[in-house]
Amino acid sequence: MTRKTFKVTGITCSGCATDIETVLGNTEGVVNASVDYSTGEIAVEYDPEEITEPQVACVLKKLGLRVHVFI
């Protein structure tokens, strides 16, 4: 498993954070996702054999977020 934290802009409310976690949780290859609304950070644990870092970023971008890989 691989864990990356994405710094994002565009999370406008705590409900958005919940929606992001739900979408990521339903994405094939993503094992866990945790959104910190106050910092704009999304920690994603994923299987790199099933999904790549750019693909995770693409999912976030499709949700209307501006994405930067942080850690």
PDB file of N, CA and C in Angstrom:
ATOM      1  N   MET A   1       0.829  -1.180   0.000  1.00  0.00           N
ATOM      2  CA  MET A   1       0.000   0.000   0.000  1.00  0.00           C
ATOM      3  C   MET A   1       0.875   1.247   0.000  1.00  0.00           C
ATOM      4  N   THR A   2       0.347   2.276  -0.605  1.00  0.00           N
ATOM      5  CA  THR A   2       1.018   3.567  -0.660  1.00  0.00           C
ATOM      6  C   THR A   2       0.106   4.604  -0.014  1.00  0.00           C
ATOM      7  N   ARG A   3       0.704   5.529   0.717  1.00  0.00           N
ATOM      8  CA  ARG A   3      -0.070   6.602   1.343  1.00  0.00           C
ATOM      9  C   ARG A   3       0.501   7.928   0.875  1.00  0.00           C
ATOM     10  N   LYS A   4      -0.370   8.783   0.358  1.00  0.00           N
ATOM     11  CA  LYS A   4       0.014  10.133  -0.077  1.00  0.00           C
ATOM     12  C   LYS A   4      -0.971  11.124   0.520  1.00  0.00           C
ATOM     13  N   THR A   5      -0.463  12.312   0.791  1.00  0.00           N
ATOM     14  CA  THR A   5      -1.322  13.399   1.225  1.00  0.00           C
ATOM     15  C   THR A   5      -1.349  14.433   0.118  1.00  0.00           C
ATOM     16  N   PHE A   6      -2.552  14.787  -0.295  1.00  0.00           N
ATOM     17  CA  PHE A   6      -2.757  15.788  -1.335  1.00  0.00           C
ATOM     18  C   PHE A   6      -3.226  17.075  -0.680  1.00  0.00           C
ATOM     19  N   LYS A   7      -2.571  18.165  -0.998  1.00  0.00           N
ATOM     20  CA  LYS A   7      -3.014  19.492  -0.563  1.00  0.00           C
ATOM     21  C   LYS A   7      -3.963  19.990  -1.649  1.00  0.00           C
ATOM     22  N   VAL A   8      -5.160  20.381  -1.253  1.00  0.00           N
ATOM     23  CA  VAL A   8      -6.147  20.803  -2.236  1.00  0.00           C
ATOM     24  C   VAL A   8      -6.782  22.125  -1.834  1.00  0.00           C
ATOM     25  N   THR A   9      -7.312  22.804  -2.828  1.00  0.00           N
ATOM     26  CA  THR A   9      -8.164  23.960  -2.577  1.00  0.00           C
ATOM     27  C   THR A   9      -9.505  23.669  -3.234  1.00  0.00           C
ATOM     28  N   GLY A  10     -10.558  24.212  -2.652  1.00  0.00           N
ATOM     29  CA  GLY A  10     -11.876  24.025  -3.225  1.00  0.00           C
ATOM     30  C   GLY A  10     -12.845  23.295  -2.318  1.00  0.00           C
ATOM     31  N   ILE A  11     -12.382  22.870  -1.135  1.00  0.00           N
ATOM     32  CA  ILE A  11     -13.303  22.257  -0.181  1.00  0.00           C
ATOM     33  C   ILE A  11     -14.021  23.404   0.528  1.00  0.00           C
ATOM     34  N   THR A  12     -15.311  23.512   0.299  1.00  0.00           N
ATOM     35  CA  THR A  12     -16.037  24.672   0.809  1.00  0.00           C
ATOM     36  C   THR A  12     -16.827  24.422   2.087  1.00  0.00           C
ATOM     37  N   CYS A  13     -16.987  23.145   2.473  1.00  0.00           N
ATOM     38  CA  CYS A  13     -17.734  22.855   3.694  1.00  0.00           C
ATOM     39  C   CYS A  13     -17.422  21.449   4.177  1.00  0.00           C
ATOM     40  N   SER A  14     -17.840  21.152   5.397  1.00  0.00           N
ATOM     41  CA  SER A  14     -17.585  19.815   5.943  1.00  0.00           C
ATOM     42  C   SER A  14     -18.374  18.754   5.189  1.00  0.00           C
ATOM     43  N   GLY A  15     -19.518  19.123   4.631  1.00  0.00           N
ATOM     44  CA  GLY A  15     -20.286  18.193   3.808  1.00  0.00           C
ATOM     45  C   GLY A  15     -19.510  17.799   2.567  1.00  0.00           C
ATOM     46  N   CYS A  16     -18.773  18.748   2.000  1.00  0.00           N
ATOM     47  CA  CYS A  16     -17.927  18.455   0.840  1.00  0.00           C
ATOM     48  C   CYS A  16     -16.859  17.443   1.219  1.00  0.00           C
ATOM     49  N   ALA A  17     -16.293  17.594   2.412  1.00  0.00           N
ATOM     50  CA  ALA A  17     -15.264  16.666   2.874  1.00  0.00           C
ATOM     51  C   ALA A  17     -15.825  15.249   2.947  1.00  0.00           C
ATOM     52  N   THR A  18     -17.026  15.120   3.457  1.00  0.00           N
ATOM     53  CA  THR A  18     -17.672  13.807   3.547  1.00  0.00           C
ATOM     54  C   THR A  18     -17.913  13.226   2.161  1.00  0.00           C
ATOM     55  N   ASP A  19     -18.359  14.065   1.236  1.00  0.00           N
ATOM     56  CA  ASP A  19     -18.589  13.608  -0.144  1.00  0.00           C
ATOM     57  C   ASP A  19     -17.289  13.131  -0.795  1.00  0.00           C
ATOM     58  N   ILE A  20     -16.207  13.849  -0.563  1.00  0.00           N
ATOM     59  CA  ILE A  20     -14.906  13.479  -1.128  1.00  0.00           C
ATOM     60  C   ILE A  20     -14.468  12.123  -0.582  1.00  0.00           C
ATOM     61  N   GLU A  21     -14.617  11.931   0.723  1.00  0.00           N
ATOM     62  CA  GLU A  21     -14.253  10.652   1.328  1.00  0.00           C
ATOM     63  C   GLU A  21     -15.082   9.512   0.737  1.00  0.00           C
ATOM     64  N   THR A  22     -16.366   9.774   0.501  1.00  0.00           N
ATOM     65  CA  THR A  22     -17.246   8.750  -0.067  1.00  0.00           C
ATOM     66  C   THR A  22     -16.824   8.380  -1.482  1.00  0.00           C
ATOM     67  N   VAL A  23     -16.573   9.397  -2.309  1.00  0.00           N
ATOM     68  CA  VAL A  23     -16.173   9.134  -3.694  1.00  0.00           C
ATOM     69  C   VAL A  23     -14.847   8.378  -3.732  1.00  0.00           C
ATOM     70  N   LEU A  24     -13.879   8.828  -2.944  1.00  0.00           N
ATOM     71  CA  LEU A  24     -12.590   8.138  -2.931  1.00  0.00           C
ATOM     72  C   LEU A  24     -12.740   6.717  -2.395  1.00  0.00           C
ATOM     73  N   GLY A  25     -13.560   6.544  -1.381  1.00  0.00           N
ATOM     74  CA  GLY A  25     -13.771   5.225  -0.806  1.00  0.00           C
ATOM     75  C   GLY A  25     -14.402   4.245  -1.780  1.00  0.00           C
ATOM     76  N   ASN A  26     -15.140   4.773  -2.752  1.00  0.00           N
ATOM     77  CA  ASN A  26     -15.775   3.945  -3.774  1.00  0.00           C
ATOM     78  C   ASN A  26     -14.912   3.797  -5.031  1.00  0.00           C
ATOM     79  N   THR A  27     -13.725   4.370  -5.012  1.00  0.00           N
ATOM     80  CA  THR A  27     -12.821   4.305  -6.151  1.00  0.00           C
ATOM     81  C   THR A  27     -11.972   3.037  -6.052  1.00  0.00           C
ATOM     82  N   GLU A  28     -11.971   2.262  -7.122  1.00  0.00           N
ATOM     83  CA  GLU A  28     -11.208   1.010  -7.132  1.00  0.00           C
ATOM     84  C   GLU A  28      -9.733   1.281  -6.866  1.00  0.00           C
ATOM     85  N   GLY A  29      -9.178   0.550  -5.918  1.00  0.00           N
ATOM     86  CA  GLY A  29      -7.768   0.690  -5.573  1.00  0.00           C
ATOM     87  C   GLY A  29      -7.519   1.559  -4.366  1.00  0.00           C
ATOM     88  N   VAL A  30      -8.499   2.386  -3.987  1.00  0.00           N
ATOM     89  CA  VAL A  30      -8.345   3.232  -2.802  1.00  0.00           C
ATOM     90  C   VAL A  30      -8.799   2.430  -1.586  1.00  0.00           C
ATOM     91  N   VAL A  31      -7.919   2.326  -0.599  1.00  0.00           N
ATOM     92  CA  VAL A  31      -8.203   1.559   0.608  1.00  0.00           C
ATOM     93  C   VAL A  31      -8.814   2.447   1.678  1.00  0.00           C
ATOM     94  N   ASN A  32      -8.306   3.669   1.796  1.00  0.00           N
ATOM     95  CA  ASN A  32      -8.783   4.593   2.825  1.00  0.00           C
ATOM     96  C   ASN A  32      -8.527   6.026   2.376  1.00  0.00           C
ATOM     97  N   ALA A  33      -9.437   6.905   2.753  1.00  0.00           N
ATOM     98  CA  ALA A  33      -9.258   8.330   2.462  1.00  0.00           C
ATOM     99  C   ALA A  33      -9.771   9.136   3.644  1.00  0.00           C
ATOM    100  N   SER A  34      -9.017  10.146   4.014  1.00  0.00           N
ATOM    101  CA  SER A  34      -9.389  10.997   5.131  1.00  0.00           C
ATOM    102  C   SER A  34      -9.171  12.456   4.736  1.00  0.00           C
ATOM    103  N   VAL A  35     -10.225  13.250   4.854  1.00  0.00           N
ATOM    104  CA  VAL A  35     -10.162  14.661   4.469  1.00  0.00           C
ATOM    105  C   VAL A  35     -10.102  15.520   5.722  1.00  0.00           C
ATOM    106  N   ASP A  36      -9.119  16.421   5.767  1.00  0.00           N
ATOM    107  CA  ASP A  36      -9.041  17.412   6.839  1.00  0.00           C
ATOM    108  C   ASP A  36      -9.486  18.746   6.250  1.00  0.00           C
ATOM    109  N   TYR A  37     -10.731  19.079   6.509  1.00  0.00           N
ATOM    110  CA  TYR A  37     -11.345  20.285   5.952  1.00  0.00           C
ATOM    111  C   TYR A  37     -10.590  21.547   6.361  1.00  0.00           C
ATOM    112  N   SER A  38     -10.108  21.604   7.591  1.00  0.00           N
ATOM    113  CA  SER A  38      -9.466  22.822   8.091  1.00  0.00           C
ATOM    114  C   SER A  38      -8.116  23.106   7.440  1.00  0.00           C
ATOM    115  N   THR A  39      -7.397  22.047   7.023  1.00  0.00           N
ATOM    116  CA  THR A  39      -6.081  22.251   6.417  1.00  0.00           C
ATOM    117  C   THR A  39      -6.094  22.083   4.903  1.00  0.00           C
ATOM    118  N   GLY A  40      -7.188  21.526   4.371  1.00  0.00           N
ATOM    119  CA  GLY A  40      -7.256  21.273   2.936  1.00  0.00           C
ATOM    120  C   GLY A  40      -6.365  20.117   2.508  1.00  0.00           C
ATOM    121  N   GLU A  41      -6.161  19.169   3.419  1.00  0.00           N
ATOM    122  CA  GLU A  41      -5.329  18.019   3.112  1.00  0.00           C
ATOM    123  C   GLU A  41      -6.182  16.755   3.040  1.00  0.00           C
ATOM    124  N   ILE A  42      -5.869  15.920   2.049  1.00  0.00           N
ATOM    125  CA  ILE A  42      -6.565  14.652   1.881  1.00  0.00           C
ATOM    126  C   ILE A  42      -5.516  13.548   1.897  1.00  0.00           C
ATOM    127  N   ALA A  43      -5.590  12.693   2.905  1.00  0.00           N
ATOM    128  CA  ALA A  43      -4.685  11.549   3.012  1.00  0.00           C
ATOM    129  C   ALA A  43      -5.360  10.369   2.332  1.00  0.00           C
ATOM    130  N   VAL A  44      -4.651   9.765   1.393  1.00  0.00           N
ATOM    131  CA  VAL A  44      -5.200   8.648   0.627  1.00  0.00           C
ATOM    132  C   VAL A  44      -4.247   7.468   0.711  1.00  0.00           C
ATOM    133  N   GLU A  45      -4.781   6.333   1.127  1.00  0.00           N
ATOM    134  CA  GLU A  45      -4.032   5.085   1.112  1.00  0.00           C
ATOM    135  C   GLU A  45      -4.579   4.264  -0.039  1.00  0.00           C
ATOM    136  N   TYR A  46      -3.682   3.819  -0.919  1.00  0.00           N
ATOM    137  CA  TYR A  46      -4.145   3.123  -2.114  1.00  0.00           C
ATOM    138  C   TYR A  46      -3.164   2.034  -2.530  1.00  0.00           C
ATOM    139  N   ASP A  47      -3.660   1.125  -3.354  1.00  0.00           N
ATOM    140  CA  ASP A  47      -2.854   0.039  -3.899  1.00  0.00           C
ATOM    141  C   ASP A  47      -2.305   0.499  -5.247  1.00  0.00           C
ATOM    142  N   PRO A  48      -0.995   0.718  -5.347  1.00  0.00           N
ATOM    143  CA  PRO A  48      -0.424   1.231  -6.594  1.00  0.00           C
ATOM    144  C   PRO A  48      -0.515   0.242  -7.762  1.00  0.00           C
ATOM    145  N   GLU A  49      -0.877  -0.998  -7.477  1.00  0.00           N
ATOM    146  CA  GLU A  49      -1.099  -1.974  -8.545  1.00  0.00           C
ATOM    147  C   GLU A  49      -2.458  -1.755  -9.215  1.00  0.00           C
ATOM    148  N   GLU A  50      -3.362  -1.057  -8.515  1.00  0.00           N
ATOM    149  CA  GLU A  50      -4.712  -0.846  -9.026  1.00  0.00           C
ATOM    150  C   GLU A  50      -4.997   0.595  -9.460  1.00  0.00           C
ATOM    151  N   ILE A  51      -4.325   1.546  -8.810  1.00  0.00           N
ATOM    152  CA  ILE A  51      -4.552   2.961  -9.133  1.00  0.00           C
ATOM    153  C   ILE A  51      -3.251   3.719  -8.881  1.00  0.00           C
ATOM    154  N   THR A  52      -2.973   4.699  -9.725  1.00  0.00           N
ATOM    155  CA  THR A  52      -1.738   5.469  -9.592  1.00  0.00           C
ATOM    156  C   THR A  52      -2.022   6.814  -8.921  1.00  0.00           C
ATOM    157  N   GLU A  53      -0.950   7.449  -8.488  1.00  0.00           N
ATOM    158  CA  GLU A  53      -1.073   8.771  -7.879  1.00  0.00           C
ATOM    159  C   GLU A  53      -1.755   9.765  -8.831  1.00  0.00           C
ATOM    160  N   PRO A  54      -1.358   9.826 -10.111  1.00  0.00           N
ATOM    161  CA  PRO A  54      -2.051  10.740 -11.032  1.00  0.00           C
ATOM    162  C   PRO A  54      -3.543  10.411 -11.196  1.00  0.00           C
ATOM    163  N   GLN A  55      -3.896   9.128 -11.122  1.00  0.00           N
ATOM    164  CA  GLN A  55      -5.307   8.759 -11.223  1.00  0.00           C
ATOM    165  C   GLN A  55      -6.089   9.225 -10.000  1.00  0.00           C
ATOM    166  N   VAL A  56      -5.474   9.130  -8.821  1.00  0.00           N
ATOM    167  CA  VAL A  56      -6.123   9.655  -7.608  1.00  0.00           C
ATOM    168  C   VAL A  56      -6.318  11.159  -7.764  1.00  0.00           C
ATOM    169  N   ALA A  57      -5.287  11.858  -8.227  1.00  0.00           N
ATOM    170  CA  ALA A  57      -5.382  13.300  -8.436  1.00  0.00           C
ATOM    171  C   ALA A  57      -6.476  13.635  -9.444  1.00  0.00           C
ATOM    172  N   CYS A  58      -6.629  12.824 -10.465  1.00  0.00           N
ATOM    173  CA  CYS A  58      -7.660  13.032 -11.477  1.00  0.00           C
ATOM    174  C   CYS A  58      -9.052  12.923 -10.865  1.00  0.00           C
ATOM    175  N   VAL A  59      -9.251  11.950  -9.982  1.00  0.00           N
ATOM    176  CA  VAL A  59     -10.542  11.816  -9.294  1.00  0.00           C
ATOM    177  C   VAL A  59     -10.840  13.092  -8.517  1.00  0.00           C
ATOM    178  N   LEU A  60      -9.835  13.602  -7.817  1.00  0.00           N
ATOM    179  CA  LEU A  60     -10.026  14.823  -7.029  1.00  0.00           C
ATOM    180  C   LEU A  60     -10.324  16.020  -7.931  1.00  0.00           C
ATOM    181  N   LYS A  61      -9.638  16.109  -9.055  1.00  0.00           N
ATOM    182  CA  LYS A  61      -9.871  17.212  -9.987  1.00  0.00           C
ATOM    183  C   LYS A  61     -11.285  17.157 -10.564  1.00  0.00           C
ATOM    184  N   LYS A  62     -11.770  15.948 -10.832  1.00  0.00           N
ATOM    185  CA  LYS A  62     -13.130  15.793 -11.353  1.00  0.00           C
ATOM    186  C   LYS A  62     -14.175  16.247 -10.335  1.00  0.00           C
ATOM    187  N   LEU A  63     -13.786  16.277  -9.063  1.00  0.00           N
ATOM    188  CA  LEU A  63     -14.674  16.776  -8.017  1.00  0.00           C
ATOM    189  C   LEU A  63     -14.593  18.295  -7.880  1.00  0.00           C
ATOM    190  N   GLY A  64     -13.777  18.916  -8.730  1.00  0.00           N
ATOM    191  CA  GLY A  64     -13.672  20.369  -8.726  1.00  0.00           C
ATOM    192  C   GLY A  64     -12.596  20.924  -7.817  1.00  0.00           C
ATOM    193  N   LEU A  65     -11.681  20.076  -7.392  1.00  0.00           N
ATOM    194  CA  LEU A  65     -10.623  20.516  -6.497  1.00  0.00           C
ATOM    195  C   LEU A  65      -9.351  20.829  -7.279  1.00  0.00           C
ATOM    196  N   ARG A  66      -8.595  21.760  -6.762  1.00  0.00           N
ATOM    197  CA  ARG A  66      -7.273  22.043  -7.308  1.00  0.00           C
ATOM    198  C   ARG A  66      -6.278  21.254  -6.458  1.00  0.00           C
ATOM    199  N   VAL A  67      -5.464  20.420  -7.095  1.00  0.00           N
ATOM    200  CA  VAL A  67      -4.679  19.412  -6.381  1.00  0.00           C
ATOM    201  C   VAL A  67      -3.184  19.676  -6.470  1.00  0.00           C
ATOM    202  N   HIS A  68      -2.533  19.487  -5.321  1.00  0.00           N
ATOM    203  CA  HIS A  68      -1.066  19.522  -5.235  1.00  0.00           C
ATOM    204  C   HIS A  68      -0.661  18.334  -4.388  1.00  0.00           C
ATOM    205  N   VAL A  69       0.291  17.521  -4.843  1.00  0.00           N
ATOM    206  CA  VAL A  69       0.789  16.425  -4.021  1.00  0.00           C
ATOM    207  C   VAL A  69       1.648  17.045  -2.926  1.00  0.00           C
ATOM    208  N   PHE A  70       1.395  16.676  -1.720  1.00  0.00           N
ATOM    209  CA  PHE A  70       2.028  17.306  -0.571  1.00  0.00           C
ATOM    210  C   PHE A  70       3.100  16.413   0.040  1.00  0.00           C
ATOM    211  N   ILE A  71       2.747  15.204   0.373  1.00  0.00           N
ATOM    212  CA  ILE A  71       3.704  14.296   1.035  1.00  0.00           C
ATOM    213  C   ILE A  71       3.592  12.941   0.364  1.00  0.00           C
TER     214      ILE A  71
END
